[in-house]
């Protein structure tokens, strides 16, 4: 099974907040960590982002 990796434009559609907010959440351990794909390229595992969204919905 191949895992889909979300790049910033796709992540922004799922979690519409700024780069800085995502960075802060990652730093504080409140959001899945990005995966370095190379040089200046990074992405997030879609399954981890979806799980994070589901957790937020369950907490409300």
Protein backbone atom coordinates (compact mmCIF):
# COMPACT_ATOMS: atom_id res chain seq x y z
CA UNK A 1 0.00 0.00 0.00
CA UNK A 2 1.36 3.41 -0.88
CA UNK A 3 0.62 6.25 1.47
CA UNK A 4 -0.43 9.57 -0.03
CA UNK A 5 1.76 12.50 0.92
CA UNK A 6 0.10 15.90 1.10
CA UNK A 7 2.11 18.87 -0.09
CA UNK A 8 1.25 22.34 1.22
CA UNK A 9 -1.56 23.20 -1.28
CA UNK A 10 -3.41 19.95 -0.45
CA UNK A 11 -2.78 20.30 3.29
CA UNK A 12 -4.12 23.87 3.20
CA UNK A 13 -7.39 22.56 1.70
CA UNK A 14 -7.82 20.12 4.60
CA UNK A 15 -6.51 22.40 7.37
CA UNK A 16 -7.03 26.02 6.29
CA UNK A 17 -4.53 27.77 8.56
CA UNK A 18 -1.23 29.54 7.88
CA UNK A 19 2.21 27.97 7.43
CA UNK A 20 3.24 29.51 10.74
CA UNK A 21 0.32 27.95 12.62
CA UNK A 22 1.12 24.49 11.22
CA UNK A 23 4.79 24.98 12.11
CA UNK A 24 3.90 26.00 15.70
CA UNK A 25 1.52 23.06 16.13
CA UNK A 26 4.21 20.68 14.84
CA UNK A 27 6.82 22.19 17.15
CA UNK A 28 4.47 21.85 20.14
CA UNK A 29 3.53 18.26 19.22
CA UNK A 30 -0.10 19.17 18.39
CA UNK A 31 0.05 18.30 14.68
CA UNK A 32 1.66 15.46 12.70
CA UNK A 33 5.29 16.10 11.80
CA UNK A 34 6.18 16.74 8.20
CA UNK A 35 8.33 14.34 6.21
CA UNK A 36 11.39 15.75 4.44
CA UNK A 37 11.20 14.65 0.81
CA UNK A 38 14.41 16.32 -0.28
CA UNK A 39 16.18 19.69 -0.24
CA UNK A 40 13.40 22.18 0.39
CA UNK A 41 10.55 19.76 -0.17
CA UNK A 42 8.31 18.36 2.58
CA UNK A 43 4.90 16.78 2.97
CA UNK A 44 2.54 15.20 5.49
CA UNK A 45 1.08 11.71 5.52
CA UNK A 46 -2.58 12.03 4.60
CA UNK A 47 -3.63 9.29 7.04
CA UNK A 48 -1.97 11.13 9.96
CA UNK A 49 -3.64 14.42 9.01
CA UNK A 50 -7.02 12.69 8.64
CA UNK A 51 -6.58 11.04 12.07
CA UNK A 52 -5.70 14.44 13.57
CA UNK A 53 -8.87 15.97 12.06
CA UNK A 54 -10.99 13.09 13.39
CA UNK A 55 -9.52 13.56 16.88
CA UNK A 56 -10.43 17.28 16.82
CA UNK A 57 -13.99 16.42 15.80
CA UNK A 58 -14.29 13.77 18.54
CA UNK A 59 -13.10 16.26 21.20
CA UNK A 60 -15.82 18.79 20.57
